[in-house]
PDB file of N, CA and C in Angstrom:
ATOM      1  N   MET A   1      55.860  18.874 -35.515  1.00  0.00           N
ATOM      2  CA  MET A   1      55.201  17.679 -35.980  1.00  0.00           C
ATOM      3  C   MET A   1      55.438  16.567 -34.956  1.00  0.00           C
ATOM      4  N   LYS A   2      54.357  16.017 -34.448  1.00  0.00           N
ATOM      5  CA  LYS A   2      54.456  14.904 -33.507  1.00  0.00           C
ATOM      6  C   LYS A   2      54.597  13.601 -34.287  1.00  0.00           C
ATOM      7  N   ASN A   3      55.182  12.599 -33.638  1.00  0.00           N
ATOM      8  CA  ASN A   3      55.298  11.308 -34.302  1.00  0.00           C
ATOM      9  C   ASN A   3      55.259  10.170 -33.294  1.00  0.00           C
ATOM     10  N   ARG A   4      55.003   8.977 -33.807  1.00  0.00           N
ATOM     11  CA  ARG A   4      54.903   7.763 -32.989  1.00  0.00           C
ATOM     12  C   ARG A   4      56.056   6.797 -33.274  1.00  0.00           C
ATOM     13  N   ILE A   5      57.158   7.297 -33.768  1.00  0.00           N
ATOM     14  CA  ILE A   5      58.247   6.401 -34.168  1.00  0.00           C
ATOM     15  C   ILE A   5      58.773   5.601 -32.979  1.00  0.00           C
ATOM     16  N   ARG A   6      59.001   6.248 -31.859  1.00  0.00           N
ATOM     17  CA  ARG A   6      59.537   5.547 -30.680  1.00  0.00           C
ATOM     18  C   ARG A   6      58.592   4.416 -30.264  1.00  0.00           C
ATOM     19  N   ILE A   7      57.307   4.684 -30.273  1.00  0.00           N
ATOM     20  CA  ILE A   7      56.308   3.673 -29.890  1.00  0.00           C
ATOM     21  C   ILE A   7      56.312   2.516 -30.886  1.00  0.00           C
ATOM     22  N   GLU A   8      56.308   2.852 -32.164  1.00  0.00           N
ATOM     23  CA  GLU A   8      56.296   1.808 -33.197  1.00  0.00           C
ATOM     24  C   GLU A   8      57.588   0.993 -33.177  1.00  0.00           C
ATOM     25  N   ARG A   9      58.712   1.628 -32.889  1.00  0.00           N
ATOM     26  CA  ARG A   9      59.975   0.882 -32.775  1.00  0.00           C
ATOM     27  C   ARG A   9      59.895  -0.110 -31.625  1.00  0.00           C
ATOM     28  N   ALA A  10      59.302   0.327 -30.509  1.00  0.00           N
ATOM     29  CA  ALA A  10      59.170  -0.549 -29.337  1.00  0.00           C
ATOM     30  C   ALA A  10      58.292  -1.760 -29.668  1.00  0.00           C
ATOM     31  N   ILE A  11      57.224  -1.531 -30.422  1.00  0.00           N
ATOM     32  CA  ILE A  11      56.337  -2.629 -30.804  1.00  0.00           C
ATOM     33  C   ILE A  11      57.090  -3.661 -31.638  1.00  0.00           C
ATOM     34  N   LEU A  12      57.926  -3.188 -32.569  1.00  0.00           N
ATOM     35  CA  LEU A  12      58.714  -4.092 -33.417  1.00  0.00           C
ATOM     36  C   LEU A  12      60.015  -4.535 -32.751  1.00  0.00           C
ATOM     37  N   ASN A  13      60.318  -3.921 -31.592  1.00  0.00           N
ATOM     38  CA  ASN A  13      61.544  -4.228 -30.867  1.00  0.00           C
ATOM     39  C   ASN A  13      62.790  -4.003 -31.729  1.00  0.00           C
ATOM     40  N   ILE A  14      62.848  -2.805 -32.360  1.00  0.00           N
ATOM     41  CA  ILE A  14      64.031  -2.448 -33.150  1.00  0.00           C
ATOM     42  C   ILE A  14      64.639  -1.157 -32.598  1.00  0.00           C
ATOM     43  N   THR A  15      65.925  -1.017 -32.774  1.00  0.00           N
ATOM     44  CA  THR A  15      66.639   0.161 -32.296  1.00  0.00           C
ATOM     45  C   THR A  15      66.567   1.285 -33.329  1.00  0.00           C
ATOM     46  N   GLN A  16      66.995   2.467 -32.905  1.00  0.00           N
ATOM     47  CA  GLN A  16      67.099   3.581 -33.846  1.00  0.00           C
ATOM     48  C   GLN A  16      68.051   3.211 -34.975  1.00  0.00           C
ATOM     49  N   ALA A  17      69.140   2.561 -34.640  1.00  0.00           N
ATOM     50  CA  ALA A  17      70.132   2.184 -35.653  1.00  0.00           C
ATOM     51  C   ALA A  17      69.538   1.205 -36.669  1.00  0.00           C
ATOM     52  N   GLU A  18      68.748   0.246 -36.188  1.00  0.00           N
ATOM     53  CA  GLU A  18      68.134  -0.723 -37.099  1.00  0.00           C
ATOM     54  C   GLU A  18      67.136  -0.035 -38.033  1.00  0.00           C
ATOM     55  N   LEU A  19      66.328   0.869 -37.482  1.00  0.00           N
ATOM     56  CA  LEU A  19      65.392   1.609 -38.320  1.00  0.00           C
ATOM     57  C   LEU A  19      66.150   2.463 -39.329  1.00  0.00           C
ATOM     58  N   ALA A  20      67.197   3.122 -38.868  1.00  0.00           N
ATOM     59  CA  ALA A  20      68.010   3.959 -39.755  1.00  0.00           C
ATOM     60  C   ALA A  20      68.575   3.142 -40.915  1.00  0.00           C
ATOM     61  N   ASP A  21      69.089   1.949 -40.618  1.00  0.00           N
ATOM     62  CA  ASP A  21      69.616   1.081 -41.669  1.00  0.00           C
ATOM     63  C   ASP A  21      68.536   0.713 -42.679  1.00  0.00           C
ATOM     64  N   ARG A  22      67.352   0.428 -42.193  1.00  0.00           N
ATOM     65  CA  ARG A  22      66.255   0.010 -43.075  1.00  0.00           C
ATOM     66  C   ARG A  22      65.788   1.127 -44.005  1.00  0.00           C
ATOM     67  N   VAL A  23      65.861   2.376 -43.532  1.00  0.00           N
ATOM     68  CA  VAL A  23      65.401   3.497 -44.372  1.00  0.00           C
ATOM     69  C   VAL A  23      66.567   4.299 -44.958  1.00  0.00           C
ATOM     70  N   GLN A  24      67.782   3.817 -44.734  1.00  0.00           N
ATOM     71  CA  GLN A  24      68.999   4.367 -45.329  1.00  0.00           C
ATOM     72  C   GLN A  24      69.283   5.814 -44.926  1.00  0.00           C
ATOM     73  N   VAL A  25      69.205   6.064 -43.610  1.00  0.00           N
ATOM     74  CA  VAL A  25      69.633   7.343 -43.043  1.00  0.00           C
ATOM     75  C   VAL A  25      70.503   7.040 -41.827  1.00  0.00           C
ATOM     76  N   SER A  26      71.035   8.073 -41.200  1.00  0.00           N
ATOM     77  CA  SER A  26      71.855   7.865 -40.005  1.00  0.00           C
ATOM     78  C   SER A  26      70.971   7.683 -38.768  1.00  0.00           C
ATOM     79  N   ARG A  27      71.541   7.070 -37.753  1.00  0.00           N
ATOM     80  CA  ARG A  27      70.826   6.928 -36.488  1.00  0.00           C
ATOM     81  C   ARG A  27      70.498   8.303 -35.921  1.00  0.00           C
ATOM     82  N   GLN A  28      71.401   9.267 -36.130  1.00  0.00           N
ATOM     83  CA  GLN A  28      71.179  10.620 -35.639  1.00  0.00           C
ATOM     84  C   GLN A  28      69.942  11.255 -36.278  1.00  0.00           C
ATOM     85  N   THR A  29      69.687  10.933 -37.544  1.00  0.00           N
ATOM     86  CA  THR A  29      68.493  11.454 -38.217  1.00  0.00           C
ATOM     87  C   THR A  29      67.239  10.904 -37.557  1.00  0.00           C
ATOM     88  N   ILE A  30      67.220   9.611 -37.270  1.00  0.00           N
ATOM     89  CA  ILE A  30      66.067   9.008 -36.589  1.00  0.00           C
ATOM     90  C   ILE A  30      65.895   9.632 -35.209  1.00  0.00           C
ATOM     91  N   ASN A  31      66.996   9.829 -34.513  1.00  0.00           N
ATOM     92  CA  ASN A  31      66.942  10.455 -33.192  1.00  0.00           C
ATOM     93  C   ASN A  31      66.343  11.859 -33.271  1.00  0.00           C
ATOM     94  N   ALA A  32      66.771  12.644 -34.248  1.00  0.00           N
ATOM     95  CA  ALA A  32      66.269  14.013 -34.402  1.00  0.00           C
ATOM     96  C   ALA A  32      64.784  14.027 -34.759  1.00  0.00           C
ATOM     97  N   ILE A  33      64.342  13.079 -35.576  1.00  0.00           N
ATOM     98  CA  ILE A  33      62.916  12.996 -35.916  1.00  0.00           C
ATOM     99  C   ILE A  33      62.107  12.628 -34.676  1.00  0.00           C
ATOM    100  N   GLU A  34      62.564  11.630 -33.933  1.00  0.00           N
ATOM    101  CA  GLU A  34      61.863  11.218 -32.715  1.00  0.00           C
ATOM    102  C   GLU A  34      61.773  12.359 -31.715  1.00  0.00           C
ATOM    103  N   ALA A  35      62.841  13.148 -31.618  1.00  0.00           N
ATOM    104  CA  ALA A  35      62.886  14.270 -30.674  1.00  0.00           C
ATOM    105  C   ALA A  35      62.114  15.490 -31.191  1.00  0.00           C
ATOM    106  N   GLU A  36      61.527  15.351 -32.365  1.00  0.00           N
ATOM    107  CA  GLU A  36      60.738  16.414 -33.002  1.00  0.00           C
ATOM    108  C   GLU A  36      61.571  17.666 -33.282  1.00  0.00           C
ATOM    109  N   LYS A  37      62.871  17.443 -33.583  1.00  0.00           N
ATOM    110  CA  LYS A  37      63.768  18.534 -33.943  1.00  0.00           C
ATOM    111  C   LYS A  37      64.003  18.597 -35.448  1.00  0.00           C
ATOM    112  N   TYR A  38      63.482  17.599 -36.155  1.00  0.00           N
ATOM    113  CA  TYR A  38      63.679  17.522 -37.605  1.00  0.00           C
ATOM    114  C   TYR A  38      62.438  16.892 -38.222  1.00  0.00           C
ATOM    115  N   SER A  39      61.935  17.505 -39.278  1.00  0.00           N
ATOM    116  CA  SER A  39      60.804  16.938 -40.008  1.00  0.00           C
ATOM    117  C   SER A  39      61.337  16.214 -41.232  1.00  0.00           C
ATOM    118  N   PRO A  40      60.985  14.949 -41.391  1.00  0.00           N
ATOM    119  CA  PRO A  40      61.517  14.189 -42.526  1.00  0.00           C
ATOM    120  C   PRO A  40      60.906  14.626 -43.852  1.00  0.00           C
ATOM    121  N   SER A  41      61.604  14.329 -44.911  1.00  0.00           N
ATOM    122  CA  SER A  41      61.053  14.548 -46.252  1.00  0.00           C
ATOM    123  C   SER A  41      59.870  13.605 -46.446  1.00  0.00           C
ATOM    124  N   LEU A  42      59.075  13.897 -47.445  1.00  0.00           N
ATOM    125  CA  LEU A  42      57.943  13.024 -47.745  1.00  0.00           C
ATOM    126  C   LEU A  42      58.427  11.602 -48.033  1.00  0.00           C
ATOM    127  N   ALA A  43      59.480  11.474 -48.815  1.00  0.00           N
ATOM    128  CA  ALA A  43      60.001  10.149 -49.165  1.00  0.00           C
ATOM    129  C   ALA A  43      60.434   9.388 -47.908  1.00  0.00           C
ATOM    130  N   LEU A  44      61.140  10.059 -47.003  1.00  0.00           N
ATOM    131  CA  LEU A  44      61.583   9.404 -45.780  1.00  0.00           C
ATOM    132  C   LEU A  44      60.390   9.050 -44.895  1.00  0.00           C
ATOM    133  N   GLY A  45      59.419   9.932 -44.801  1.00  0.00           N
ATOM    134  CA  GLY A  45      58.209   9.639 -44.031  1.00  0.00           C
ATOM    135  C   GLY A  45      57.484   8.411 -44.565  1.00  0.00           C
ATOM    136  N   LEU A  46      57.417   8.306 -45.881  1.00  0.00           N
ATOM    137  CA  LEU A  46      56.786   7.133 -46.500  1.00  0.00           C
ATOM    138  C   LEU A  46      57.565   5.856 -46.204  1.00  0.00           C
ATOM    139  N   LYS A  47      58.887   5.937 -46.280  1.00  0.00           N
ATOM    140  CA  LYS A  47      59.723   4.768 -45.975  1.00  0.00           C
ATOM    141  C   LYS A  47      59.521   4.320 -44.536  1.00  0.00           C
ATOM    142  N   ILE A  48      59.514   5.279 -43.602  1.00  0.00           N
ATOM    143  CA  ILE A  48      59.336   4.953 -42.185  1.00  0.00           C
ATOM    144  C   ILE A  48      57.968   4.310 -41.962  1.00  0.00           C
ATOM    145  N   ALA A  49      56.932   4.908 -42.526  1.00  0.00           N
ATOM    146  CA  ALA A  49      55.582   4.360 -42.373  1.00  0.00           C
ATOM    147  C   ALA A  49      55.506   2.943 -42.934  1.00  0.00           C
ATOM    148  N   ARG A  50      56.155   2.712 -44.056  1.00  0.00           N
ATOM    149  CA  ARG A  50      56.131   1.383 -44.677  1.00  0.00           C
ATOM    150  C   ARG A  50      56.790   0.341 -43.775  1.00  0.00           C
ATOM    151  N   ILE A  51      57.884   0.701 -43.109  1.00  0.00           N
ATOM    152  CA  ILE A  51      58.548  -0.234 -42.191  1.00  0.00           C
ATOM    153  C   ILE A  51      57.573  -0.701 -41.115  1.00  0.00           C
ATOM    154  N   PHE A  52      56.749   0.227 -40.622  1.00  0.00           N
ATOM    155  CA  PHE A  52      55.806  -0.093 -39.557  1.00  0.00           C
ATOM    156  C   PHE A  52      54.469  -0.608 -40.083  1.00  0.00           C
ATOM    157  N   ASN A  53      54.346  -0.719 -41.415  1.00  0.00           N
ATOM    158  CA  ASN A  53      53.107  -1.169 -42.046  1.00  0.00           C
ATOM    159  C   ASN A  53      51.922  -0.295 -41.619  1.00  0.00           C
ATOM    160  N   LYS A  54      52.154   1.015 -41.616  1.00  0.00           N
ATOM    161  CA  LYS A  54      51.142   2.008 -41.235  1.00  0.00           C
ATOM    162  C   LYS A  54      51.093   3.081 -42.308  1.00  0.00           C
ATOM    163  N   SER A  55      50.039   3.885 -42.262  1.00  0.00           N
ATOM    164  CA  SER A  55      49.979   5.043 -43.156  1.00  0.00           C
ATOM    165  C   SER A  55      50.821   6.169 -42.550  1.00  0.00           C
ATOM    166  N   VAL A  56      51.194   7.125 -43.360  1.00  0.00           N
ATOM    167  CA  VAL A  56      51.964   8.272 -42.879  1.00  0.00           C
ATOM    168  C   VAL A  56      51.187   8.994 -41.772  1.00  0.00           C
ATOM    169  N   ASP A  57      49.872   9.110 -41.951  1.00  0.00           N
ATOM    170  CA  ASP A  57      49.031   9.778 -40.950  1.00  0.00           C
ATOM    171  C   ASP A  57      49.023   9.051 -39.610  1.00  0.00           C
ATOM    172  N   GLU A  58      49.253   7.759 -39.624  1.00  0.00           N
ATOM    173  CA  GLU A  58      49.291   7.005 -38.372  1.00  0.00           C
ATOM    174  C   GLU A  58      50.616   7.195 -37.632  1.00  0.00           C
ATOM    175  N   ILE A  59      51.646   7.622 -38.326  1.00  0.00           N
ATOM    176  CA  ILE A  59      52.968   7.820 -37.727  1.00  0.00           C
ATOM    177  C   ILE A  59      53.226   9.283 -37.399  1.00  0.00           C
ATOM    178  N   PHE A  60      52.829  10.179 -38.283  1.00  0.00           N
ATOM    179  CA  PHE A  60      53.107  11.609 -38.123  1.00  0.00           C
ATOM    180  C   PHE A  60      51.813  12.401 -37.976  1.00  0.00           C
ATOM    181  N   GLU A  61      51.853  13.418 -37.111  1.00  0.00           N
ATOM    182  CA  GLU A  61      50.689  14.261 -36.897  1.00  0.00           C
ATOM    183  C   GLU A  61      51.104  15.720 -36.887  1.00  0.00           C
ATOM    184  N   LEU A  62      50.465  16.521 -37.730  1.00  0.00           N
ATOM    185  CA  LEU A  62      50.738  17.940 -37.739  1.00  0.00           C
ATOM    186  C   LEU A  62      50.161  18.588 -36.478  1.00  0.00           C
ATOM    187  N   GLU A  63      50.903  19.533 -35.929  1.00  0.00           N
ATOM    188  CA  GLU A  63      50.432  20.288 -34.771  1.00  0.00           C
ATOM    189  C   GLU A  63      49.934  21.648 -35.260  1.00  0.00           C
ATOM    190  N   GLU A  64      49.260  22.360 -34.402  1.00  0.00           N
ATOM    191  CA  GLU A  64      48.656  23.652 -34.752  1.00  0.00           C
ATOM    192  C   GLU A  64      49.678  24.599 -35.408  1.00  0.00           C
ATOM    193  N   GLY A  65      50.876  24.698 -34.849  1.00  0.00           N
ATOM    194  CA  GLY A  65      51.886  25.615 -35.378  1.00  0.00           C
ATOM    195  C   GLY A  65      52.491  25.195 -36.697  1.00  0.00           C
ATOM    196  N   ASP A  66      52.252  23.934 -37.112  1.00  0.00           N
ATOM    197  CA  ASP A  66      52.810  23.409 -38.356  1.00  0.00           C
ATOM    198  C   ASP A  66      51.989  23.821 -39.576  1.00  0.00           C
ATOM    199  N   LEU A  67      50.781  24.277 -39.357  1.00  0.00           N
ATOM    200  CA  LEU A  67      49.880  24.584 -40.472  1.00  0.00           C
ATOM    201  C   LEU A  67      50.179  25.914 -41.109  1.00  0.00           C
TER     202      LEU A  67
END
């Protein structure tokens, strides 16, 4: 699953730690999601999208192998 978290964080000028605090997970979890090594739960995906004021589809994109 591809994502735009790093780009959206840069736009808001927030760190992984700040995003993690806002969505109540560890910085390591945000790092793993950004690195595409971990797919977030639906609830976490919704929280992340809400921080960026975007839809889930604007932040996360399924790849061919994810289907």
